[in-house]
Amino acid sequence: MTTYSRGDVVLVKFVFSDETGVKQRPALLVSSSRYHRSRHEAVLVAITSNVSRALVGDHAIKDWQEAGLPLPSTATGIIRTIKQEMIVKKLGELPAGDLQAVDEQLRISLNL
């Protein structure tokens, strides 16, 4: 099994929220290496190319090309837990500044 790290931008098989299908989408891995060693799951935030709106928990990724994304993108406040084997591949890594901004949005969203 490939090892992934916090801050990796990955391609995952997301099940639609109404469970009618599956689509491959980019996501940001936010769980820690320690979490990955003890569980079969990974915690992710969804990434969207819909940059026209900003909701609570969202962060417009500044260095989206460096992160391996094909289009300007937003890390959303949508948090998902998936099995690690649902990760198709790594696209890139979110630069430190963007990851810090996502962390701040997670703190706001979760009231941490």
N, C-alpha and C. Protein backbone atom coordinates (compact mmCIF):
# COMPACT_ATOMS: atom_id res chain seq x y z
N MET A 1 0.84 -1.18 0.00
CA MET A 1 0.00 0.00 0.00
C MET A 1 0.89 1.25 0.00
N THR A 2 0.53 2.22 -0.83
CA THR A 2 1.26 3.48 -0.88
C THR A 2 0.98 4.29 0.38
N THR A 3 2.00 4.95 0.88
CA THR A 3 1.83 5.78 2.06
C THR A 3 1.59 7.23 1.63
N TYR A 4 0.59 7.83 2.21
CA TYR A 4 0.27 9.22 1.94
C TYR A 4 0.48 10.04 3.19
N SER A 5 0.69 11.34 3.01
CA SER A 5 0.98 12.22 4.14
C SER A 5 0.01 13.39 4.19
N ARG A 6 -0.12 13.94 5.39
CA ARG A 6 -0.93 15.13 5.59
C ARG A 6 -0.44 16.22 4.64
N GLY A 7 -1.36 16.86 3.95
CA GLY A 7 -1.01 17.90 3.00
C GLY A 7 -0.93 17.43 1.57
N ASP A 8 -1.01 16.10 1.36
CA ASP A 8 -1.01 15.57 0.00
C ASP A 8 -2.34 15.90 -0.67
N VAL A 9 -2.28 16.28 -1.92
CA VAL A 9 -3.46 16.43 -2.76
C VAL A 9 -3.57 15.12 -3.53
N VAL A 10 -4.71 14.46 -3.36
CA VAL A 10 -4.89 13.13 -3.92
C VAL A 10 -6.15 13.06 -4.77
N LEU A 11 -6.18 12.07 -5.64
CA LEU A 11 -7.37 11.78 -6.42
C LEU A 11 -8.07 10.62 -5.72
N VAL A 12 -9.36 10.79 -5.41
CA VAL A 12 -10.08 9.77 -4.67
C VAL A 12 -11.39 9.40 -5.37
N LYS A 13 -11.88 8.22 -5.04
CA LYS A 13 -13.19 7.79 -5.52
C LYS A 13 -14.21 8.22 -4.47
N PHE A 14 -14.91 9.31 -4.75
CA PHE A 14 -15.94 9.81 -3.83
C PHE A 14 -17.29 9.22 -4.20
N VAL A 15 -18.00 8.72 -3.21
CA VAL A 15 -19.37 8.28 -3.40
C VAL A 15 -20.25 9.53 -3.28
N PHE A 16 -21.19 9.70 -4.21
CA PHE A 16 -22.11 10.83 -4.13
C PHE A 16 -22.83 10.82 -2.80
N SER A 17 -23.18 12.00 -2.29
CA SER A 17 -23.83 12.09 -0.97
C SER A 17 -25.16 11.34 -0.94
N ASP A 18 -25.82 11.19 -2.09
CA ASP A 18 -27.07 10.42 -2.12
C ASP A 18 -26.82 8.95 -2.47
N GLU A 19 -25.53 8.57 -2.54
CA GLU A 19 -25.07 7.21 -2.78
C GLU A 19 -25.54 6.62 -4.11
N THR A 20 -25.77 7.47 -5.13
CA THR A 20 -26.23 6.99 -6.43
C THR A 20 -25.09 6.70 -7.39
N GLY A 21 -23.86 7.05 -7.02
CA GLY A 21 -22.75 6.81 -7.92
C GLY A 21 -21.43 7.19 -7.29
N VAL A 22 -20.37 7.06 -8.10
CA VAL A 22 -19.01 7.36 -7.64
C VAL A 22 -18.34 8.20 -8.72
N LYS A 23 -17.53 9.17 -8.27
CA LYS A 23 -16.78 10.00 -9.21
C LYS A 23 -15.41 10.26 -8.63
N GLN A 24 -14.39 10.28 -9.48
CA GLN A 24 -13.05 10.60 -9.01
C GLN A 24 -12.93 12.12 -8.89
N ARG A 25 -12.45 12.56 -7.72
CA ARG A 25 -12.33 13.98 -7.43
C ARG A 25 -11.03 14.22 -6.67
N PRO A 26 -10.47 15.43 -6.77
CA PRO A 26 -9.30 15.75 -5.95
C PRO A 26 -9.74 16.05 -4.52
N ALA A 27 -8.84 15.78 -3.59
CA ALA A 27 -9.10 16.05 -2.18
C ALA A 27 -7.77 16.30 -1.48
N LEU A 28 -7.85 16.94 -0.34
CA LEU A 28 -6.66 17.23 0.47
C LEU A 28 -6.67 16.33 1.69
N LEU A 29 -5.59 15.62 1.89
CA LEU A 29 -5.43 14.74 3.05
C LEU A 29 -5.11 15.59 4.27
N VAL A 30 -5.96 15.54 5.31
CA VAL A 30 -5.74 16.35 6.51
C VAL A 30 -5.45 15.52 7.76
N SER A 31 -5.58 14.20 7.66
CA SER A 31 -5.26 13.36 8.82
C SER A 31 -3.75 13.14 8.89
N SER A 32 -3.29 12.79 10.08
CA SER A 32 -1.85 12.67 10.35
C SER A 32 -1.31 11.29 10.00
N SER A 33 0.01 11.21 9.89
CA SER A 33 0.67 9.92 9.64
C SER A 33 0.37 8.95 10.77
N ARG A 34 0.34 9.44 11.98
CA ARG A 34 0.01 8.58 13.13
C ARG A 34 -1.39 7.99 12.98
N TYR A 35 -2.34 8.80 12.54
CA TYR A 35 -3.70 8.33 12.29
C TYR A 35 -3.68 7.23 11.22
N HIS A 36 -2.92 7.44 10.15
CA HIS A 36 -2.88 6.47 9.04
C HIS A 36 -2.25 5.16 9.45
N ARG A 37 -1.28 5.20 10.37
CA ARG A 37 -0.63 3.96 10.81
C ARG A 37 -1.56 3.09 11.64
N SER A 38 -2.52 3.70 12.33
CA SER A 38 -3.36 2.91 13.22
C SER A 38 -4.76 2.64 12.66
N ARG A 39 -5.08 3.23 11.53
CA ARG A 39 -6.40 3.05 10.93
C ARG A 39 -6.29 2.76 9.44
N HIS A 40 -7.35 2.23 8.89
CA HIS A 40 -7.41 1.97 7.45
C HIS A 40 -8.05 3.15 6.71
N GLU A 41 -8.46 4.18 7.45
CA GLU A 41 -9.14 5.32 6.87
C GLU A 41 -8.20 6.52 6.73
N ALA A 42 -8.67 7.52 5.99
CA ALA A 42 -7.99 8.80 5.85
C ALA A 42 -9.06 9.89 5.93
N VAL A 43 -8.71 11.02 6.51
CA VAL A 43 -9.63 12.15 6.61
C VAL A 43 -9.21 13.18 5.57
N LEU A 44 -10.19 13.62 4.78
CA LEU A 44 -9.93 14.51 3.65
C LEU A 44 -10.86 15.70 3.68
N VAL A 45 -10.46 16.77 3.00
CA VAL A 45 -11.39 17.84 2.66
C VAL A 45 -11.51 17.83 1.14
N ALA A 46 -12.72 18.02 0.67
CA ALA A 46 -12.97 18.02 -0.76
C ALA A 46 -12.35 19.26 -1.40
N ILE A 47 -11.94 19.11 -2.63
CA ILE A 47 -11.42 20.22 -3.43
C ILE A 47 -12.35 20.40 -4.62
N THR A 48 -12.70 21.65 -4.92
CA THR A 48 -13.56 21.96 -6.05
C THR A 48 -12.91 23.00 -6.94
N SER A 49 -13.25 22.96 -8.22
CA SER A 49 -12.79 24.00 -9.13
C SER A 49 -13.81 25.13 -9.22
N ASN A 50 -14.90 25.02 -8.45
CA ASN A 50 -15.89 26.10 -8.37
C ASN A 50 -15.34 27.16 -7.41
N VAL A 51 -14.67 28.14 -7.95
CA VAL A 51 -14.04 29.17 -7.12
C VAL A 51 -14.88 30.44 -7.05
N SER A 52 -16.11 30.39 -7.56
CA SER A 52 -16.96 31.58 -7.61
C SER A 52 -17.65 31.89 -6.28
N ARG A 53 -17.58 30.98 -5.34
CA ARG A 53 -18.22 31.24 -4.04
C ARG A 53 -17.27 30.81 -2.93
N ALA A 54 -17.45 31.42 -1.79
CA ALA A 54 -16.66 31.06 -0.60
C ALA A 54 -17.61 30.89 0.56
N LEU A 55 -17.67 29.69 1.09
CA LEU A 55 -18.53 29.38 2.23
C LEU A 55 -17.66 29.18 3.46
N VAL A 56 -18.29 29.09 4.61
CA VAL A 56 -17.55 28.85 5.84
C VAL A 56 -16.73 27.58 5.70
N GLY A 57 -15.46 27.66 6.03
CA GLY A 57 -14.58 26.51 5.95
C GLY A 57 -13.81 26.40 4.65
N ASP A 58 -14.12 27.24 3.67
CA ASP A 58 -13.46 27.18 2.37
C ASP A 58 -12.18 28.02 2.34
N HIS A 59 -11.22 27.57 1.55
CA HIS A 59 -9.99 28.34 1.31
C HIS A 59 -9.64 28.26 -0.17
N ALA A 60 -9.54 29.41 -0.83
CA ALA A 60 -9.11 29.47 -2.22
C ALA A 60 -7.61 29.16 -2.25
N ILE A 61 -7.24 28.09 -2.92
CA ILE A 61 -5.85 27.65 -2.95
C ILE A 61 -5.04 28.60 -3.84
N LYS A 62 -4.07 29.25 -3.23
CA LYS A 62 -3.25 30.23 -3.96
C LYS A 62 -2.29 29.55 -4.94
N ASP A 63 -1.60 28.54 -4.48
CA ASP A 63 -0.61 27.85 -5.31
C ASP A 63 -1.17 26.54 -5.85
N TRP A 64 -2.30 26.64 -6.55
CA TRP A 64 -3.00 25.45 -7.03
C TRP A 64 -2.18 24.64 -8.03
N GLN A 65 -1.39 25.31 -8.87
CA GLN A 65 -0.57 24.56 -9.84
C GLN A 65 0.52 23.77 -9.13
N GLU A 66 1.15 24.39 -8.12
CA GLU A 66 2.18 23.69 -7.34
C GLU A 66 1.60 22.48 -6.61
N ALA A 67 0.30 22.56 -6.27
CA ALA A 67 -0.37 21.46 -5.57
C ALA A 67 -0.76 20.33 -6.52
N GLY A 68 -0.51 20.50 -7.83
CA GLY A 68 -0.83 19.45 -8.79
C GLY A 68 -2.24 19.49 -9.32
N LEU A 69 -2.92 20.64 -9.14
CA LEU A 69 -4.30 20.77 -9.61
C LEU A 69 -4.33 21.39 -11.00
N PRO A 70 -5.24 20.93 -11.86
CA PRO A 70 -5.27 21.43 -13.25
C PRO A 70 -5.93 22.79 -13.41
N LEU A 71 -6.73 23.21 -12.42
CA LEU A 71 -7.49 24.46 -12.49
C LEU A 71 -7.43 25.19 -11.16
N PRO A 72 -7.68 26.51 -11.14
CA PRO A 72 -7.84 27.19 -9.85
C PRO A 72 -8.87 26.43 -9.02
N SER A 73 -8.57 26.28 -7.74
CA SER A 73 -9.41 25.41 -6.91
C SER A 73 -9.57 25.95 -5.50
N THR A 74 -10.58 25.41 -4.82
CA THR A 74 -10.88 25.75 -3.43
C THR A 74 -10.90 24.48 -2.60
N ALA A 75 -10.19 24.50 -1.47
CA ALA A 75 -10.32 23.44 -0.47
C ALA A 75 -11.57 23.77 0.32
N THR A 76 -12.53 22.88 0.31
CA THR A 76 -13.83 23.19 0.91
C THR A 76 -13.88 22.80 2.39
N GLY A 77 -14.93 23.23 3.03
CA GLY A 77 -15.20 22.85 4.41
C GLY A 77 -15.90 21.51 4.50
N ILE A 78 -15.95 20.77 3.39
CA ILE A 78 -16.59 19.45 3.37
C ILE A 78 -15.55 18.41 3.77
N ILE A 79 -15.75 17.80 4.92
CA ILE A 79 -14.80 16.85 5.49
C ILE A 79 -15.35 15.44 5.29
N ARG A 80 -14.51 14.55 4.78
CA ARG A 80 -14.92 13.18 4.52
C ARG A 80 -13.90 12.21 5.10
N THR A 81 -14.36 11.06 5.51
CA THR A 81 -13.49 9.97 5.90
C THR A 81 -13.71 8.84 4.91
N ILE A 82 -12.61 8.34 4.34
CA ILE A 82 -12.70 7.26 3.37
C ILE A 82 -11.68 6.18 3.73
N LYS A 83 -11.84 5.02 3.16
CA LYS A 83 -10.83 3.97 3.28
C LYS A 83 -9.62 4.41 2.47
N GLN A 84 -8.42 4.17 2.99
CA GLN A 84 -7.21 4.58 2.28
C GLN A 84 -7.11 3.98 0.89
N GLU A 85 -7.66 2.77 0.70
CA GLU A 85 -7.57 2.15 -0.62
C GLU A 85 -8.45 2.84 -1.67
N MET A 86 -9.29 3.81 -1.25
CA MET A 86 -10.08 4.60 -2.19
C MET A 86 -9.26 5.72 -2.82
N ILE A 87 -8.03 5.92 -2.32
CA ILE A 87 -7.14 6.92 -2.92
C ILE A 87 -6.56 6.30 -4.18
N VAL A 88 -6.77 6.98 -5.30
CA VAL A 88 -6.31 6.48 -6.59
C VAL A 88 -4.83 6.81 -6.79
N LYS A 89 -4.47 8.06 -6.53
CA LYS A 89 -3.07 8.47 -6.69
C LYS A 89 -2.85 9.85 -6.07
N LYS A 90 -1.60 10.17 -5.87
CA LYS A 90 -1.20 11.48 -5.39
C LYS A 90 -1.03 12.41 -6.58
N LEU A 91 -1.60 13.62 -6.47
CA LEU A 91 -1.47 14.62 -7.52
C LEU A 91 -0.35 15.61 -7.22
N GLY A 92 -0.14 15.89 -5.92
CA GLY A 92 0.87 16.86 -5.51
C GLY A 92 0.79 17.10 -4.02
N GLU A 93 1.38 18.19 -3.59
CA GLU A 93 1.37 18.57 -2.17
C GLU A 93 0.93 20.02 -2.06
N LEU A 94 0.09 20.29 -1.08
CA LEU A 94 -0.35 21.66 -0.84
C LEU A 94 0.79 22.43 -0.19
N PRO A 95 1.18 23.59 -0.72
CA PRO A 95 2.25 24.38 -0.11
C PRO A 95 1.89 24.77 1.33
N ALA A 96 2.91 24.98 2.14
CA ALA A 96 2.74 25.23 3.59
C ALA A 96 1.77 26.37 3.88
N GLY A 97 1.86 27.47 3.15
CA GLY A 97 0.97 28.61 3.41
C GLY A 97 -0.49 28.27 3.19
N ASP A 98 -0.77 27.53 2.12
CA ASP A 98 -2.14 27.11 1.86
C ASP A 98 -2.62 26.12 2.91
N LEU A 99 -1.74 25.20 3.33
CA LEU A 99 -2.12 24.22 4.35
C LEU A 99 -2.43 24.90 5.68
N GLN A 100 -1.66 25.90 6.04
CA GLN A 100 -1.94 26.66 7.27
C GLN A 100 -3.30 27.35 7.18
N ALA A 101 -3.63 27.89 6.01
CA ALA A 101 -4.93 28.54 5.83
C ALA A 101 -6.07 27.53 5.92
N VAL A 102 -5.88 26.33 5.37
CA VAL A 102 -6.89 25.27 5.48
C VAL A 102 -7.06 24.88 6.95
N ASP A 103 -5.94 24.75 7.68
CA ASP A 103 -6.01 24.42 9.11
C ASP A 103 -6.84 25.46 9.86
N GLU A 104 -6.65 26.73 9.54
CA GLU A 104 -7.41 27.80 10.21
C GLU A 104 -8.90 27.66 9.89
N GLN A 105 -9.22 27.34 8.66
CA GLN A 105 -10.62 27.15 8.29
C GLN A 105 -11.23 25.93 8.99
N LEU A 106 -10.44 24.88 9.18
CA LEU A 106 -10.92 23.72 9.94
C LEU A 106 -11.19 24.10 11.38
N ARG A 107 -10.31 24.90 11.98
CA ARG A 107 -10.54 25.36 13.36
C ARG A 107 -11.84 26.17 13.45
N ILE A 108 -12.07 27.03 12.48
CA ILE A 108 -13.30 27.82 12.48
C ILE A 108 -14.51 26.91 12.31
N SER A 109 -14.45 26.00 11.34
CA SER A 109 -15.59 25.13 11.05
C SER A 109 -15.94 24.22 12.23
N LEU A 110 -14.92 23.73 12.91
CA LEU A 110 -15.13 22.76 14.00
C LEU A 110 -15.11 23.41 15.38
N ASN A 111 -14.94 24.73 15.41
CA ASN A 111 -14.90 25.48 16.67
C ASN A 111 -13.83 24.94 17.61
N LEU A 112 -12.62 24.75 17.07
CA LEU A 112 -11.50 24.22 17.85
C LEU A 112 -10.65 25.35 18.39
